[in-house]
Amino acid sequence: MNERLKDLRKFLNLNQEDFGKRLGVGKTAISKLEKGENNLTDSMVKLICKEFNVDYIWLTTGKGEMFIEPDIDAMEIIDRIMTGENKFHKDLFKTFAHLDEEDLLALERIIDKFIEIKKAD
């Protein structure tokens, strides 16, 4: 993960000091993170993702794309559901909004397993 942090910073064309300022830490902290001398905390990972629109999965595993692409269609669908009348649908999306990354990954594995079983039928 430390190498991806460095790749991200360089891609953004930021030095360690400027990158650290955006995250509320000094350049020494960024240097130690990039060298692997310190580990990234989950709260720092989430802050990096939020501040720079980075994909959490990419930063933590290296899978997928570096940045999150806004999905206008998905936002429109969610907006339609949240302004609709179906209480179950609204509650479902509210629940999703409160899940952390670990919970979302677990849900993804469950759905993948469901699809795998359905294909075998």
PDB file of N, CA and C in Angstrom:
ATOM      1  N   MET A   1       0.832  -1.190   0.000  1.00  0.00           N
ATOM      2  CA  MET A   1       0.000   0.000   0.000  1.00  0.00           C
ATOM      3  C   MET A   1       0.878   1.255   0.000  1.00  0.00           C
ATOM      4  N   ASN A   2       2.070   1.159   0.606  1.00  0.00           N
ATOM      5  CA  ASN A   2       2.947   2.332   0.660  1.00  0.00           C
ATOM      6  C   ASN A   2       3.391   2.762  -0.743  1.00  0.00           C
ATOM      7  N   GLU A   3       3.607   1.790  -1.625  1.00  0.00           N
ATOM      8  CA  GLU A   3       4.017   2.126  -2.986  1.00  0.00           C
ATOM      9  C   GLU A   3       2.875   2.817  -3.738  1.00  0.00           C
ATOM     10  N   ARG A   4       1.652   2.359  -3.510  1.00  0.00           N
ATOM     11  CA  ARG A   4       0.494   3.002  -4.156  1.00  0.00           C
ATOM     12  C   ARG A   4       0.313   4.427  -3.642  1.00  0.00           C
ATOM     13  N   LEU A   5       0.595   4.643  -2.364  1.00  0.00           N
ATOM     14  CA  LEU A   5       0.510   5.995  -1.805  1.00  0.00           C
ATOM     15  C   LEU A   5       1.485   6.916  -2.533  1.00  0.00           C
ATOM     16  N   LYS A   6       2.694   6.434  -2.726  1.00  0.00           N
ATOM     17  CA  LYS A   6       3.707   7.224  -3.433  1.00  0.00           C
ATOM     18  C   LYS A   6       3.294   7.446  -4.890  1.00  0.00           C
ATOM     19  N   ASP A   7       2.778   6.391  -5.534  1.00  0.00           N
ATOM     20  CA  ASP A   7       2.305   6.524  -6.920  1.00  0.00           C
ATOM     21  C   ASP A   7       1.211   7.580  -7.022  1.00  0.00           C
ATOM     22  N   LEU A   8       0.289   7.567  -6.069  1.00  0.00           N
ATOM     23  CA  LEU A   8      -0.801   8.539  -6.050  1.00  0.00           C
ATOM     24  C   LEU A   8      -0.255   9.952  -5.924  1.00  0.00           C
ATOM     25  N   ARG A   9       0.624  10.150  -4.959  1.00  0.00           N
ATOM     26  CA  ARG A   9       1.184  11.487  -4.729  1.00  0.00           C
ATOM     27  C   ARG A   9       1.889  11.997  -5.977  1.00  0.00           C
ATOM     28  N   LYS A  10       2.679  11.140  -6.603  1.00  0.00           N
ATOM     29  CA  LYS A  10       3.399  11.552  -7.807  1.00  0.00           C
ATOM     30  C   LYS A  10       2.437  11.820  -8.965  1.00  0.00           C
ATOM     31  N   PHE A  11       1.402  10.989  -9.090  1.00  0.00           N
ATOM     32  CA  PHE A  11       0.407  11.202 -10.138  1.00  0.00           C
ATOM     33  C   PHE A  11      -0.259  12.563  -9.971  1.00  0.00           C
ATOM     34  N   LEU A  12      -0.504  12.950  -8.725  1.00  0.00           N
ATOM     35  CA  LEU A  12      -1.133  14.238  -8.430  1.00  0.00           C
ATOM     36  C   LEU A  12      -0.152  15.399  -8.533  1.00  0.00           C
ATOM     37  N   ASN A  13       1.108  15.064  -8.799  1.00  0.00           N
ATOM     38  CA  ASN A  13       2.165  16.068  -8.934  1.00  0.00           C
ATOM     39  C   ASN A  13       2.316  16.913  -7.665  1.00  0.00           C
ATOM     40  N   LEU A  14       2.274  16.229  -6.514  1.00  0.00           N
ATOM     41  CA  LEU A  14       2.437  16.901  -5.229  1.00  0.00           C
ATOM     42  C   LEU A  14       3.707  16.409  -4.555  1.00  0.00           C
ATOM     43  N   ASN A  15       4.413  17.333  -3.903  1.00  0.00           N
ATOM     44  CA  ASN A  15       5.537  16.882  -3.089  1.00  0.00           C
ATOM     45  C   ASN A  15       4.988  16.371  -1.760  1.00  0.00           C
ATOM     46  N   GLN A  16       5.851  15.760  -0.958  1.00  0.00           N
ATOM     47  CA  GLN A  16       5.397  15.175   0.303  1.00  0.00           C
ATOM     48  C   GLN A  16       4.801  16.224   1.236  1.00  0.00           C
ATOM     49  N   GLU A  17       5.366  17.409   1.224  1.00  0.00           N
ATOM     50  CA  GLU A  17       4.864  18.472   2.104  1.00  0.00           C
ATOM     51  C   GLU A  17       3.439  18.886   1.722  1.00  0.00           C
ATOM     52  N   ASP A  18       3.213  19.149   0.442  1.00  0.00           N
ATOM     53  CA  ASP A  18       1.881  19.578  -0.006  1.00  0.00           C
ATOM     54  C   ASP A  18       0.846  18.461   0.142  1.00  0.00           C
ATOM     55  N   PHE A  19       1.262  17.236  -0.138  1.00  0.00           N
ATOM     56  CA  PHE A  19       0.374  16.088   0.030  1.00  0.00           C
ATOM     57  C   PHE A  19      -0.023  15.963   1.501  1.00  0.00           C
ATOM     58  N   GLY A  20       0.964  16.067   2.376  1.00  0.00           N
ATOM     59  CA  GLY A  20       0.715  15.976   3.813  1.00  0.00           C
ATOM     60  C   GLY A  20      -0.194  17.083   4.323  1.00  0.00           C
ATOM     61  N   LYS A  21      -0.001  18.296   3.827  1.00  0.00           N
ATOM     62  CA  LYS A  21      -0.848  19.421   4.257  1.00  0.00           C
ATOM     63  C   LYS A  21      -2.316  19.150   3.965  1.00  0.00           C
ATOM     64  N   ARG A  22      -2.586  18.568   2.809  1.00  0.00           N
ATOM     65  CA  ARG A  22      -3.976  18.264   2.447  1.00  0.00           C
ATOM     66  C   ARG A  22      -4.591  17.242   3.393  1.00  0.00           C
ATOM     67  N   LEU A  23      -3.722  16.449   4.041  1.00  0.00           N
ATOM     68  CA  LEU A  23      -4.192  15.399   4.947  1.00  0.00           C
ATOM     69  C   LEU A  23      -4.017  15.762   6.417  1.00  0.00           C
ATOM     70  N   GLY A  24      -3.428  16.933   6.663  1.00  0.00           N
ATOM     71  CA  GLY A  24      -3.236  17.374   8.044  1.00  0.00           C
ATOM     72  C   GLY A  24      -2.048  16.734   8.740  1.00  0.00           C
ATOM     73  N   VAL A  25      -1.064  16.276   7.956  1.00  0.00           N
ATOM     74  CA  VAL A  25       0.153  15.699   8.533  1.00  0.00           C
ATOM     75  C   VAL A  25       1.369  16.321   7.860  1.00  0.00           C
ATOM     76  N   GLY A  26       2.524  16.135   8.458  1.00  0.00           N
ATOM     77  CA  GLY A  26       3.748  16.700   7.914  1.00  0.00           C
ATOM     78  C   GLY A  26       4.387  15.820   6.855  1.00  0.00           C
ATOM     79  N   LYS A  27       5.415  16.387   6.194  1.00  0.00           N
ATOM     80  CA  LYS A  27       6.081  15.630   5.129  1.00  0.00           C
ATOM     81  C   LYS A  27       6.832  14.424   5.678  1.00  0.00           C
ATOM     82  N   THR A  28       7.290  14.502   6.938  1.00  0.00           N
ATOM     83  CA  THR A  28       7.979  13.361   7.549  1.00  0.00           C
ATOM     84  C   THR A  28       7.036  12.176   7.680  1.00  0.00           C
ATOM     85  N   ALA A  29       5.797  12.444   8.066  1.00  0.00           N
ATOM     86  CA  ALA A  29       4.803  11.370   8.186  1.00  0.00           C
ATOM     87  C   ALA A  29       4.554  10.721   6.829  1.00  0.00           C
ATOM     88  N   ILE A  30       4.451  11.525   5.790  1.00  0.00           N
ATOM     89  CA  ILE A  30       4.232  10.986   4.442  1.00  0.00           C
ATOM     90  C   ILE A  30       5.439  10.166   4.004  1.00  0.00           C
ATOM     91  N   SER A  31       6.624  10.670   4.270  1.00  0.00           N
ATOM     92  CA  SER A  31       7.843   9.949   3.919  1.00  0.00           C
ATOM     93  C   SER A  31       7.885   8.577   4.588  1.00  0.00           C
ATOM     94  N   LYS A  32       7.562   8.529   5.874  1.00  0.00           N
ATOM     95  CA  LYS A  32       7.581   7.254   6.609  1.00  0.00           C
ATOM     96  C   LYS A  32       6.513   6.296   6.096  1.00  0.00           C
ATOM     97  N   LEU A  33       5.367   6.833   5.708  1.00  0.00           N
ATOM     98  CA  LEU A  33       4.313   5.987   5.143  1.00  0.00           C
ATOM     99  C   LEU A  33       4.747   5.409   3.798  1.00  0.00           C
ATOM    100  N   GLU A  34       5.330   6.248   2.961  1.00  0.00           N
ATOM    101  CA  GLU A  34       5.761   5.790   1.642  1.00  0.00           C
ATOM    102  C   GLU A  34       6.881   4.758   1.731  1.00  0.00           C
ATOM    103  N   LYS A  35       7.755   4.901   2.718  1.00  0.00           N
ATOM    104  CA  LYS A  35       8.868   3.953   2.896  1.00  0.00           C
ATOM    105  C   LYS A  35       8.442   2.681   3.615  1.00  0.00           C
ATOM    106  N   GLY A  36       7.225   2.673   4.152  1.00  0.00           N
ATOM    107  CA  GLY A  36       6.756   1.513   4.889  1.00  0.00           C
ATOM    108  C   GLY A  36       7.226   1.479   6.332  1.00  0.00           C
ATOM    109  N   GLU A  37       7.810   2.577   6.793  1.00  0.00           N
ATOM    110  CA  GLU A  37       8.259   2.653   8.191  1.00  0.00           C
ATOM    111  C   GLU A  37       7.069   2.770   9.136  1.00  0.00           C
ATOM    112  N   ASN A  38       6.006   3.386   8.674  1.00  0.00           N
ATOM    113  CA  ASN A  38       4.740   3.469   9.412  1.00  0.00           C
ATOM    114  C   ASN A  38       3.644   2.877   8.535  1.00  0.00           C
ATOM    115  N   ASN A  39       2.649   2.289   9.180  1.00  0.00           N
ATOM    116  CA  ASN A  39       1.516   1.726   8.446  1.00  0.00           C
ATOM    117  C   ASN A  39       0.402   2.754   8.337  1.00  0.00           C
ATOM    118  N   LEU A  40      -0.289   2.714   7.210  1.00  0.00           N
ATOM    119  CA  LEU A  40      -1.460   3.570   7.036  1.00  0.00           C
ATOM    120  C   LEU A  40      -2.592   3.056   7.911  1.00  0.00           C
ATOM    121  N   THR A  41      -3.183   3.934   8.694  1.00  0.00           N
ATOM    122  CA  THR A  41      -4.356   3.560   9.481  1.00  0.00           C
ATOM    123  C   THR A  41      -5.574   3.591   8.566  1.00  0.00           C
ATOM    124  N   ASP A  42      -6.620   2.901   8.974  1.00  0.00           N
ATOM    125  CA  ASP A  42      -7.836   2.902   8.165  1.00  0.00           C
ATOM    126  C   ASP A  42      -8.415   4.309   8.059  1.00  0.00           C
ATOM    127  N   SER A  43      -8.300   5.080   9.133  1.00  0.00           N
ATOM    128  CA  SER A  43      -8.836   6.448   9.078  1.00  0.00           C
ATOM    129  C   SER A  43      -8.036   7.308   8.099  1.00  0.00           C
ATOM    130  N   MET A  44      -6.726   7.085   8.009  1.00  0.00           N
ATOM    131  CA  MET A  44      -5.908   7.838   7.055  1.00  0.00           C
ATOM    132  C   MET A  44      -6.231   7.395   5.628  1.00  0.00           C
ATOM    133  N   VAL A  45      -6.432   6.107   5.428  1.00  0.00           N
ATOM    134  CA  VAL A  45      -6.803   5.603   4.102  1.00  0.00           C
ATOM    135  C   VAL A  45      -8.111   6.254   3.653  1.00  0.00           C
ATOM    136  N   LYS A  46      -9.091   6.279   4.543  1.00  0.00           N
ATOM    137  CA  LYS A  46     -10.387   6.878   4.207  1.00  0.00           C
ATOM    138  C   LYS A  46     -10.250   8.369   3.920  1.00  0.00           C
ATOM    139  N   LEU A  47      -9.397   9.052   4.676  1.00  0.00           N
ATOM    140  CA  LEU A  47      -9.174  10.478   4.447  1.00  0.00           C
ATOM    141  C   LEU A  47      -8.536  10.708   3.079  1.00  0.00           C
ATOM    142  N   ILE A  48      -7.550   9.891   2.740  1.00  0.00           N
ATOM    143  CA  ILE A  48      -6.899   9.998   1.429  1.00  0.00           C
ATOM    144  C   ILE A  48      -7.932   9.792   0.320  1.00  0.00           C
ATOM    145  N   CYS A  49      -8.755   8.781   0.478  1.00  0.00           N
ATOM    146  CA  CYS A  49      -9.775   8.487  -0.536  1.00  0.00           C
ATOM    147  C   CYS A  49     -10.746   9.646  -0.693  1.00  0.00           C
ATOM    148  N   LYS A  50     -11.159  10.208   0.418  1.00  0.00           N
ATOM    149  CA  LYS A  50     -12.107  11.324   0.376  1.00  0.00           C
ATOM    150  C   LYS A  50     -11.459  12.581  -0.206  1.00  0.00           C
ATOM    151  N   GLU A  51     -10.273  12.897   0.250  1.00  0.00           N
ATOM    152  CA  GLU A  51      -9.597  14.135  -0.163  1.00  0.00           C
ATOM    153  C   GLU A  51      -9.232  14.139  -1.650  1.00  0.00           C
ATOM    154  N   PHE A  52      -8.812  12.975  -2.158  1.00  0.00           N
ATOM    155  CA  PHE A  52      -8.311  12.920  -3.533  1.00  0.00           C
ATOM    156  C   PHE A  52      -9.205  12.111  -4.479  1.00  0.00           C
ATOM    157  N   ASN A  53     -10.402  11.729  -4.012  1.00  0.00           N
ATOM    158  CA  ASN A  53     -11.351  10.956  -4.821  1.00  0.00           C
ATOM    159  C   ASN A  53     -10.738   9.637  -5.309  1.00  0.00           C
ATOM    160  N   VAL A  54     -10.010   8.978  -4.391  1.00  0.00           N
ATOM    161  CA  VAL A  54      -9.313   7.727  -4.698  1.00  0.00           C
ATOM    162  C   VAL A  54     -10.208   6.548  -4.342  1.00  0.00           C
ATOM    163  N   ASP A  55     -10.126   5.514  -5.132  1.00  0.00           N
ATOM    164  CA  ASP A  55     -10.881   4.294  -4.868  1.00  0.00           C
ATOM    165  C   ASP A  55     -10.241   3.536  -3.700  1.00  0.00           C
ATOM    166  N   TYR A  56     -11.031   3.255  -2.671  1.00  0.00           N
ATOM    167  CA  TYR A  56     -10.557   2.570  -1.462  1.00  0.00           C
ATOM    168  C   TYR A  56      -9.957   1.207  -1.810  1.00  0.00           C
ATOM    169  N   ILE A  57     -10.616   0.470  -2.684  1.00  0.00           N
ATOM    170  CA  ILE A  57     -10.143  -0.866  -3.055  1.00  0.00           C
ATOM    171  C   ILE A  57      -8.785  -0.767  -3.737  1.00  0.00           C
ATOM    172  N   TRP A  58      -8.627   0.190  -4.642  1.00  0.00           N
ATOM    173  CA  TRP A  58      -7.336   0.352  -5.312  1.00  0.00           C
ATOM    174  C   TRP A  58      -6.246   0.651  -4.296  1.00  0.00           C
ATOM    175  N   LEU A  59      -6.504   1.588  -3.394  1.00  0.00           N
ATOM    176  CA  LEU A  59      -5.475   1.986  -2.436  1.00  0.00           C
ATOM    177  C   LEU A  59      -5.097   0.839  -1.505  1.00  0.00           C
ATOM    178  N   THR A  60      -6.065   0.047  -1.081  1.00  0.00           N
ATOM    179  CA  THR A  60      -5.785  -1.012  -0.114  1.00  0.00           C
ATOM    180  C   THR A  60      -5.335  -2.328  -0.751  1.00  0.00           C
ATOM    181  N   THR A  61      -5.754  -2.584  -1.997  1.00  0.00           N
ATOM    182  CA  THR A  61      -5.416  -3.881  -2.603  1.00  0.00           C
ATOM    183  C   THR A  61      -4.671  -3.767  -3.928  1.00  0.00           C
ATOM    184  N   GLY A  62      -4.768  -2.614  -4.562  1.00  0.00           N
ATOM    185  CA  GLY A  62      -4.158  -2.452  -5.875  1.00  0.00           C
ATOM    186  C   GLY A  62      -5.075  -2.866  -7.015  1.00  0.00           C
ATOM    187  N   LYS A  63      -6.266  -3.350  -6.693  1.00  0.00           N
ATOM    188  CA  LYS A  63      -7.205  -3.785  -7.728  1.00  0.00           C
ATOM    189  C   LYS A  63      -8.071  -2.617  -8.180  1.00  0.00           C
ATOM    190  N   GLY A  64      -8.394  -2.610  -9.459  1.00  0.00           N
ATOM    191  CA  GLY A  64      -9.277  -1.578  -9.980  1.00  0.00           C
ATOM    192  C   GLY A  64      -8.533  -0.324 -10.396  1.00  0.00           C
ATOM    193  N   GLU A  65      -9.278   0.742 -10.497  1.00  0.00           N
ATOM    194  CA  GLU A  65      -8.750   2.028 -10.944  1.00  0.00           C
ATOM    195  C   GLU A  65      -8.362   2.906  -9.759  1.00  0.00           C
ATOM    196  N   MET A  66      -7.408   3.796  -9.985  1.00  0.00           N
ATOM    197  CA  MET A  66      -6.922   4.674  -8.924  1.00  0.00           C
ATOM    198  C   MET A  66      -8.015   5.623  -8.428  1.00  0.00           C
ATOM    199  N   PHE A  67      -8.777   6.168  -9.342  1.00  0.00           N
ATOM    200  CA  PHE A  67      -9.761   7.177  -8.969  1.00  0.00           C
ATOM    201  C   PHE A  67     -11.187   6.680  -9.173  1.00  0.00           C
ATOM    202  N   ILE A  68     -12.088   7.245  -8.393  1.00  0.00           N
ATOM    203  CA  ILE A  68     -13.505   6.936  -8.508  1.00  0.00           C
ATOM    204  C   ILE A  68     -14.101   7.841  -9.576  1.00  0.00           C
ATOM    205  N   GLU A  69     -14.795   7.233 -10.505  1.00  0.00           N
ATOM    206  CA  GLU A  69     -15.494   7.987 -11.544  1.00  0.00           C
ATOM    207  C   GLU A  69     -16.910   8.267 -11.059  1.00  0.00           C
ATOM    208  N   PRO A  70     -17.363   9.494 -11.139  1.00  0.00           N
ATOM    209  CA  PRO A  70     -18.747   9.753 -10.729  1.00  0.00           C
ATOM    210  C   PRO A  70     -19.710   9.040 -11.668  1.00  0.00           C
ATOM    211  N   ASP A  71     -20.697   8.395 -11.099  1.00  0.00           N
ATOM    212  CA  ASP A  71     -21.682   7.651 -11.878  1.00  0.00           C
ATOM    213  C   ASP A  71     -23.011   8.408 -11.812  1.00  0.00           C
ATOM    214  N   ILE A  72     -23.233   9.258 -12.795  1.00  0.00           N
ATOM    215  CA  ILE A  72     -24.418  10.114 -12.822  1.00  0.00           C
ATOM    216  C   ILE A  72     -25.692   9.278 -12.861  1.00  0.00           C
ATOM    217  N   ASP A  73     -25.704   8.211 -13.674  1.00  0.00           N
ATOM    218  CA  ASP A  73     -26.898   7.369 -13.766  1.00  0.00           C
ATOM    219  C   ASP A  73     -27.251   6.781 -12.404  1.00  0.00           C
ATOM    220  N   ALA A  74     -26.256   6.285 -11.693  1.00  0.00           N
ATOM    221  CA  ALA A  74     -26.504   5.694 -10.372  1.00  0.00           C
ATOM    222  C   ALA A  74     -27.044   6.745  -9.409  1.00  0.00           C
ATOM    223  N   MET A  75     -26.489   7.951  -9.463  1.00  0.00           N
ATOM    224  CA  MET A  75     -26.962   9.014  -8.574  1.00  0.00           C
ATOM    225  C   MET A  75     -28.418   9.375  -8.871  1.00  0.00           C
ATOM    226  N   GLU A  76     -28.770   9.381 -10.136  1.00  0.00           N
ATOM    227  CA  GLU A  76     -30.160   9.681 -10.511  1.00  0.00           C
ATOM    228  C   GLU A  76     -31.108   8.595 -10.015  1.00  0.00           C
ATOM    229  N   ILE A  77     -30.687   7.345 -10.110  1.00  0.00           N
ATOM    230  CA  ILE A  77     -31.515   6.233  -9.634  1.00  0.00           C
ATOM    231  C   ILE A  77     -31.694   6.317  -8.122  1.00  0.00           C
ATOM    232  N   ILE A  78     -30.606   6.567  -7.422  1.00  0.00           N
ATOM    233  CA  ILE A  78     -30.683   6.683  -5.959  1.00  0.00           C
ATOM    234  C   ILE A  78     -31.582   7.847  -5.568  1.00  0.00           C
ATOM    235  N   ASP A  79     -31.446   8.957  -6.269  1.00  0.00           N
ATOM    236  CA  ASP A  79     -32.290  10.121  -5.985  1.00  0.00           C
ATOM    237  C   ASP A  79     -33.764   9.782  -6.192  1.00  0.00           C
ATOM    238  N   ARG A  80     -34.061   9.068  -7.278  1.00  0.00           N
ATOM    239  CA  ARG A  80     -35.445   8.677  -7.558  1.00  0.00           C
ATOM    240  C   ARG A  80     -35.986   7.759  -6.456  1.00  0.00           C
ATOM    241  N   ILE A  81     -35.159   6.823  -6.007  1.00  0.00           N
ATOM    242  CA  ILE A  81     -35.586   5.907  -4.940  1.00  0.00           C
ATOM    243  C   ILE A  81     -35.817   6.668  -3.640  1.00  0.00           C
ATOM    244  N   MET A  82     -34.894   7.560  -3.299  1.00  0.00           N
ATOM    245  CA  MET A  82     -34.987   8.272  -2.020  1.00  0.00           C
ATOM    246  C   MET A  82     -36.127   9.288  -1.995  1.00  0.00           C
ATOM    247  N   THR A  83     -36.592   9.729  -3.145  1.00  0.00           N
ATOM    248  CA  THR A  83     -37.733  10.649  -3.174  1.00  0.00           C
ATOM    249  C   THR A  83     -39.040   9.920  -3.459  1.00  0.00           C
ATOM    250  N   GLY A  84     -38.948   8.599  -3.637  1.00  0.00           N
ATOM    251  CA  GLY A  84     -40.137   7.794  -3.914  1.00  0.00           C
ATOM    252  C   GLY A  84     -40.904   7.444  -2.651  1.00  0.00           C
ATOM    253  N   GLU A  85     -41.895   6.594  -2.823  1.00  0.00           N
ATOM    254  CA  GLU A  85     -42.817   6.232  -1.741  1.00  0.00           C
ATOM    255  C   GLU A  85     -42.451   4.934  -1.027  1.00  0.00           C
ATOM    256  N   ASN A  86     -41.595   4.100  -1.629  1.00  0.00           N
ATOM    257  CA  ASN A  86     -41.323   2.779  -1.080  1.00  0.00           C
ATOM    258  C   ASN A  86     -40.371   2.871   0.117  1.00  0.00           C
ATOM    259  N   LYS A  87     -40.911   2.674   1.318  1.00  0.00           N
ATOM    260  CA  LYS A  87     -40.128   2.796   2.550  1.00  0.00           C
ATOM    261  C   LYS A  87     -39.015   1.753   2.620  1.00  0.00           C
ATOM    262  N   PHE A  88     -39.307   0.512   2.179  1.00  0.00           N
ATOM    263  CA  PHE A  88     -38.285  -0.534   2.205  1.00  0.00           C
ATOM    264  C   PHE A  88     -37.074  -0.130   1.375  1.00  0.00           C
ATOM    265  N   HIS A  89     -37.294   0.376   0.167  1.00  0.00           N
ATOM    266  CA  HIS A  89     -36.193   0.788  -0.702  1.00  0.00           C
ATOM    267  C   HIS A  89     -35.382   1.910  -0.065  1.00  0.00           C
ATOM    268  N   LYS A  90     -36.059   2.883   0.522  1.00  0.00           N
ATOM    269  CA  LYS A  90     -35.362   3.987   1.190  1.00  0.00           C
ATOM    270  C   LYS A  90     -34.511   3.467   2.342  1.00  0.00           C
ATOM    271  N   ASP A  91     -35.107   2.594   3.159  1.00  0.00           N
ATOM    272  CA  ASP A  91     -34.381   2.040   4.307  1.00  0.00           C
ATOM    273  C   ASP A  91     -33.180   1.216   3.861  1.00  0.00           C
ATOM    274  N   LEU A  92     -33.335   0.495   2.767  1.00  0.00           N
ATOM    275  CA  LEU A  92     -32.240  -0.307   2.237  1.00  0.00           C
ATOM    276  C   LEU A  92     -31.060   0.583   1.844  1.00  0.00           C
ATOM    277  N   PHE A  93     -31.329   1.668   1.139  1.00  0.00           N
ATOM    278  CA  PHE A  93     -30.258   2.567   0.722  1.00  0.00           C
ATOM    279  C   PHE A  93     -29.646   3.310   1.910  1.00  0.00           C
ATOM    280  N   LYS A  94     -30.443   3.637   2.900  1.00  0.00           N
ATOM    281  CA  LYS A  94     -29.904   4.257   4.116  1.00  0.00           C
ATOM    282  C   LYS A  94     -28.961   3.292   4.821  1.00  0.00           C
ATOM    283  N   THR A  95     -29.338   2.020   4.851  1.00  0.00           N
ATOM    284  CA  THR A  95     -28.478   1.008   5.467  1.00  0.00           C
ATOM    285  C   THR A  95     -27.168   0.893   4.705  1.00  0.00           C
ATOM    286  N   PHE A  96     -27.234   0.828   3.375  1.00  0.00           N
ATOM    287  CA  PHE A  96     -26.017   0.769   2.568  1.00  0.00           C
ATOM    288  C   PHE A  96     -25.105   1.955   2.868  1.00  0.00           C
ATOM    289  N   ALA A  97     -25.681   3.125   3.046  1.00  0.00           N
ATOM    290  CA  ALA A  97     -24.894   4.331   3.294  1.00  0.00           C
ATOM    291  C   ALA A  97     -24.122   4.263   4.604  1.00  0.00           C
ATOM    292  N   HIS A  98     -24.580   3.438   5.536  1.00  0.00           N
ATOM    293  CA  HIS A  98     -23.916   3.334   6.834  1.00  0.00           C
ATOM    294  C   HIS A  98     -22.917   2.183   6.915  1.00  0.00           C
ATOM    295  N   LEU A  99     -22.808   1.389   5.862  1.00  0.00           N
ATOM    296  CA  LEU A  99     -21.858   0.281   5.864  1.00  0.00           C
ATOM    297  C   LEU A  99     -20.446   0.803   5.632  1.00  0.00           C
ATOM    298  N   ASP A 100     -19.475   0.220   6.348  1.00  0.00           N
ATOM    299  CA  ASP A 100     -18.087   0.592   6.084  1.00  0.00           C
ATOM    300  C   ASP A 100     -17.554  -0.301   4.957  1.00  0.00           C
ATOM    301  N   GLU A 101     -16.321  -0.066   4.545  1.00  0.00           N
ATOM    302  CA  GLU A 101     -15.754  -0.804   3.415  1.00  0.00           C
ATOM    303  C   GLU A 101     -15.725  -2.305   3.666  1.00  0.00           C
ATOM    304  N   GLU A 102     -15.405  -2.701   4.884  1.00  0.00           N
ATOM    305  CA  GLU A 102     -15.349  -4.124   5.223  1.00  0.00           C
ATOM    306  C   GLU A 102     -16.725  -4.775   5.042  1.00  0.00           C
ATOM    307  N   ASP A 103     -17.757  -4.088   5.518  1.00  0.00           N
ATOM    308  CA  ASP A 103     -19.123  -4.604   5.362  1.00  0.00           C
ATOM    309  C   ASP A 103     -19.523  -4.682   3.888  1.00  0.00           C
ATOM    310  N   LEU A 104     -19.159  -3.661   3.121  1.00  0.00           N
ATOM    311  CA  LEU A 104     -19.499  -3.653   1.699  1.00  0.00           C
ATOM    312  C   LEU A 104     -18.790  -4.780   0.950  1.00  0.00           C
ATOM    313  N   LEU A 105     -17.532  -5.039   1.323  1.00  0.00           N
ATOM    314  CA  LEU A 105     -16.806  -6.142   0.693  1.00  0.00           C
ATOM    315  C   LEU A 105     -17.441  -7.484   1.040  1.00  0.00           C
ATOM    316  N   ALA A 106     -17.882  -7.631   2.290  1.00  0.00           N
ATOM    317  CA  ALA A 106     -18.564  -8.864   2.699  1.00  0.00           C
ATOM    318  C   ALA A 106     -19.858  -9.036   1.907  1.00  0.00           C
ATOM    319  N   LEU A 107     -20.606  -7.955   1.747  1.00  0.00           N
ATOM    320  CA  LEU A 107     -21.843  -8.000   0.967  1.00  0.00           C
ATOM    321  C   LEU A 107     -21.552  -8.369  -0.489  1.00  0.00           C
ATOM    322  N   GLU A 108     -20.492  -7.813  -1.028  1.00  0.00           N
ATOM    323  CA  GLU A 108     -20.111  -8.125  -2.409  1.00  0.00           C
ATOM    324  C   GLU A 108     -19.792  -9.617  -2.560  1.00  0.00           C
ATOM    325  N   ARG A 109     -19.080 -10.186  -1.582  1.00  0.00           N
ATOM    326  CA  ARG A 109     -18.763 -11.616  -1.630  1.00  0.00           C
ATOM    327  C   ARG A 109     -20.036 -12.464  -1.573  1.00  0.00           C
ATOM    328  N   ILE A 110     -20.988 -12.054  -0.744  1.00  0.00           N
ATOM    329  CA  ILE A 110     -22.258 -12.780  -0.643  1.00  0.00           C
ATOM    330  C   ILE A 110     -23.001 -12.739  -1.982  1.00  0.00           C
ATOM    331  N   ILE A 111     -23.061 -11.574  -2.593  1.00  0.00           N
ATOM    332  CA  ILE A 111     -23.749 -11.433  -3.881  1.00  0.00           C
ATOM    333  C   ILE A 111     -23.031 -12.240  -4.961  1.00  0.00           C
ATOM    334  N   ASP A 112     -21.695 -12.193  -4.969  1.00  0.00           N
ATOM    335  CA  ASP A 112     -20.934 -12.985  -5.936  1.00  0.00           C
ATOM    336  C   ASP A 112     -21.232 -14.475  -5.776  1.00  0.00           C
ATOM    337  N   LYS A 113     -21.301 -14.938  -4.533  1.00  0.00           N
ATOM    338  CA  LYS A 113     -21.602 -16.347  -4.260  1.00  0.00           C
ATOM    339  C   LYS A 113     -23.014 -16.688  -4.744  1.00  0.00           C
ATOM    340  N   PHE A 114     -23.960 -15.795  -4.484  1.00  0.00           N
ATOM    341  CA  PHE A 114     -25.338 -15.985  -4.942  1.00  0.00           C
ATOM    342  C   PHE A 114     -25.380 -16.148  -6.465  1.00  0.00           C
ATOM    343  N   ILE A 115     -24.686 -15.271  -7.169  1.00  0.00           N
ATOM    344  CA  ILE A 115     -24.653 -15.319  -8.635  1.00  0.00           C
ATOM    345  C   ILE A 115     -24.015 -16.624  -9.109  1.00  0.00           C
ATOM    346  N   GLU A 116     -22.942 -17.014  -8.455  1.00  0.00           N
ATOM    347  CA  GLU A 116     -22.252 -18.262  -8.808  1.00  0.00           C
ATOM    348  C   GLU A 116     -23.185 -19.470  -8.656  1.00  0.00           C
ATOM    349  N   ILE A 117     -23.932 -19.511  -7.566  1.00  0.00           N
ATOM    350  CA  ILE A 117     -24.861 -20.618  -7.315  1.00  0.00           C
ATOM    351  C   ILE A 117     -25.998 -20.604  -8.333  1.00  0.00           C
ATOM    352  N   LYS A 118     -26.519 -19.411  -8.643  1.00  0.00           N
ATOM    353  CA  LYS A 118     -27.619 -19.305  -9.612  1.00  0.00           C
ATOM    354  C   LYS A 118     -27.169 -19.755 -11.006  1.00  0.00           C
ATOM    355  N   LYS A 119     -25.929 -19.448 -11.369  1.00  0.00           N
ATOM    356  CA  LYS A 119     -25.422 -19.861 -12.684  1.00  0.00           C
ATOM    357  C   LYS A 119     -25.286 -21.375 -12.769  1.00  0.00           C
ATOM    358  N   ALA A 120     -24.983 -22.007 -11.638  1.00  0.00           N
ATOM    359  CA  ALA A 120     -24.803 -23.464 -11.609  1.00  0.00           C
ATOM    360  C   ALA A 120     -26.133 -24.208 -11.720  1.00  0.00           C
ATOM    361  N   ASP A 121     -27.226 -23.537 -11.384  1.00  0.00           N
ATOM    362  CA  ASP A 121     -28.561 -24.186 -11.434  1.00  0.00           C
ATOM    363  C   ASP A 121     -29.033 -24.443 -12.816  1.00  0.00           C
TER     364      ASP A 121
END
